[in-house]
Amino acid sequence: MFAYWALFGIFGVAAATTNERERRLGVVGWLIGGLLLTLMIGLRRNVGADWHAYEAIYQRLKFAGFAAVDTVDPLYKILNLLAADVGFGVWALLMFQSWLQEHDRPASDARPLAGALEPLA
């Protein structure tokens, strides 16, 4: 439970930044929080109600191939097959998906943060 509160605190501090100097610190907080969130989602094992569904889809596609599951999105099938071919498990697929979800925003949203990591003057 401490991990969730710590993550909440990191994002809270990052969101509460007000002036320019604090804003740069906030960006670092967002990056650290995003990395920790990616690791928490990707490295989970048998956690959550959806774990067994992801594992079942992964196993069916791994052994039966692309046509084995008709109810899954084609790109998700390809990602599962790539993870299986490389030798990664479903955990790597979940980690990649969580990273994609955290970085899924329009380019116009990312522009205000462009100068935030420049050295402090």
Protein backbone atom coordinates (compact mmCIF):
# COMPACT_ATOMS: atom_id res chain seq x y z
CA MET A 1 0.00 0.00 0.00
CA PHE A 2 2.95 2.30 0.64
CA ALA A 3 3.93 2.12 -3.05
CA TYR A 4 0.55 3.52 -4.10
CA TRP A 5 0.71 6.38 -1.59
CA ALA A 6 4.29 7.18 -2.61
CA LEU A 7 3.25 7.28 -6.27
CA PHE A 8 0.28 9.48 -5.37
CA GLY A 9 2.65 11.80 -3.48
CA ILE A 10 5.09 12.05 -6.40
CA PHE A 11 2.32 13.00 -8.82
CA GLY A 12 0.81 15.37 -6.24
CA VAL A 13 4.07 17.26 -5.77
CA ALA A 14 4.61 17.37 -9.53
CA ALA A 15 1.12 18.79 -10.07
CA ALA A 16 1.44 21.41 -7.33
CA THR A 17 4.41 23.24 -8.86
CA THR A 18 3.74 26.92 -9.51
CA ASN A 19 6.75 29.01 -10.53
CA GLU A 20 9.34 28.32 -13.24
CA ARG A 21 11.95 26.72 -10.97
CA GLU A 22 9.38 24.49 -9.29
CA ARG A 23 7.87 23.60 -12.67
CA ARG A 24 11.16 22.09 -13.79
CA LEU A 25 11.26 20.04 -10.63
CA GLY A 26 7.66 19.04 -11.34
CA VAL A 27 8.61 17.73 -14.78
CA VAL A 28 11.22 15.51 -13.17
CA GLY A 29 8.51 14.29 -10.78
CA TRP A 30 6.21 13.48 -13.69
CA LEU A 31 9.01 11.53 -15.42
CA ILE A 32 9.91 9.58 -12.28
CA GLY A 33 6.24 8.93 -11.52
CA GLY A 34 5.63 7.76 -15.09
CA LEU A 35 8.59 5.39 -14.94
CA LEU A 36 7.47 3.96 -11.60
CA LEU A 37 3.91 3.57 -12.86
CA THR A 38 5.16 1.76 -15.97
CA LEU A 39 7.21 -0.61 -13.82
CA MET A 40 4.33 -1.23 -11.41
CA ILE A 41 1.96 -2.11 -14.25
CA GLY A 42 4.46 -4.08 -16.29
CA LEU A 43 6.06 -6.13 -13.54
CA ARG A 44 2.86 -7.28 -11.89
CA ARG A 45 2.21 -11.00 -11.95
CA ASN A 46 -1.17 -12.62 -11.28
CA VAL A 47 -2.48 -9.26 -10.03
CA GLY A 48 -5.80 -7.84 -11.12
CA ALA A 49 -8.95 -9.27 -12.60
CA ASP A 50 -7.59 -9.00 -16.15
CA TRP A 51 -4.31 -10.89 -15.68
CA HIS A 52 -5.71 -14.31 -16.54
CA ALA A 53 -7.40 -12.97 -19.68
CA TYR A 54 -4.13 -11.44 -20.92
CA GLU A 55 -2.25 -14.63 -20.10
CA ALA A 56 -4.83 -16.81 -21.92
CA ILE A 57 -4.72 -14.65 -25.05
CA TYR A 58 -0.93 -14.66 -25.00
CA GLN A 59 -0.73 -18.45 -24.64
CA ARG A 60 -3.31 -19.12 -27.39
CA LEU A 61 -1.54 -16.82 -29.82
CA LYS A 62 1.89 -18.16 -28.87
CA PHE A 63 1.00 -21.76 -29.67
CA ALA A 64 -1.74 -21.47 -32.31
CA GLY A 65 -0.68 -18.38 -34.27
CA PHE A 66 -2.33 -15.26 -35.63
CA ALA A 67 -5.65 -16.85 -36.64
CA ALA A 68 -6.19 -18.50 -33.24
CA VAL A 69 -8.13 -15.65 -31.67
CA ASP A 70 -10.72 -13.75 -33.71
CA THR A 71 -11.93 -11.37 -31.00
CA VAL A 72 -8.63 -9.55 -30.45
CA ASP A 73 -7.43 -6.43 -32.21
CA PRO A 74 -4.89 -7.23 -34.99
CA LEU A 75 -2.20 -4.92 -33.58
CA TYR A 76 -2.57 -6.54 -30.15
CA LYS A 77 -2.14 -9.94 -31.83
CA ILE A 78 1.04 -8.76 -33.53
CA LEU A 79 2.46 -7.39 -30.25
CA ASN A 80 1.67 -10.70 -28.51
CA LEU A 81 3.35 -12.70 -31.26
CA LEU A 82 6.42 -10.44 -31.23
CA ALA A 83 6.72 -10.79 -27.46
CA ALA A 84 6.43 -14.57 -27.78
CA ASP A 85 8.98 -14.77 -30.63
CA VAL A 86 11.53 -12.70 -28.73
CA GLY A 87 11.02 -14.85 -25.63
CA PHE A 88 9.34 -12.27 -23.43
CA GLY A 89 6.24 -13.10 -21.48
CA VAL A 90 2.99 -11.28 -21.06
CA TRP A 91 4.69 -9.00 -18.51
CA ALA A 92 6.77 -7.35 -21.25
CA LEU A 93 3.66 -6.77 -23.31
CA LEU A 94 1.89 -5.16 -20.35
CA MET A 95 4.90 -2.95 -19.64
CA PHE A 96 5.02 -1.77 -23.25
CA GLN A 97 1.28 -1.09 -23.25
CA SER A 98 1.48 0.92 -20.04
CA TRP A 99 4.36 2.96 -21.49
CA LEU A 100 2.33 3.64 -24.63
CA GLN A 101 -0.69 4.72 -22.62
CA GLU A 102 1.37 7.12 -20.54
CA HIS A 103 2.85 8.70 -23.66
CA ASP A 104 -0.39 8.82 -25.64
CA ARG A 105 -1.11 12.54 -25.98
CA PRO A 106 -1.21 14.98 -28.88
CA ALA A 107 2.00 16.76 -29.79
CA SER A 108 0.41 20.08 -28.90
CA ASP A 109 0.17 18.96 -25.24
CA ALA A 110 3.88 18.13 -25.06
CA ARG A 111 5.10 21.53 -26.26
CA PRO A 112 4.80 23.44 -22.93
CA LEU A 113 7.19 20.93 -21.34
CA ALA A 114 9.82 21.25 -24.09
CA GLY A 115 12.03 23.77 -22.25
CA ALA A 116 11.43 22.44 -18.79
CA LEU A 117 14.45 20.16 -18.74
CA GLU A 118 16.91 22.79 -19.94
CA PRO A 119 19.56 23.74 -17.36
CA LEU A 120 18.48 26.24 -14.78
CA ALA A 121 19.66 29.79 -15.48
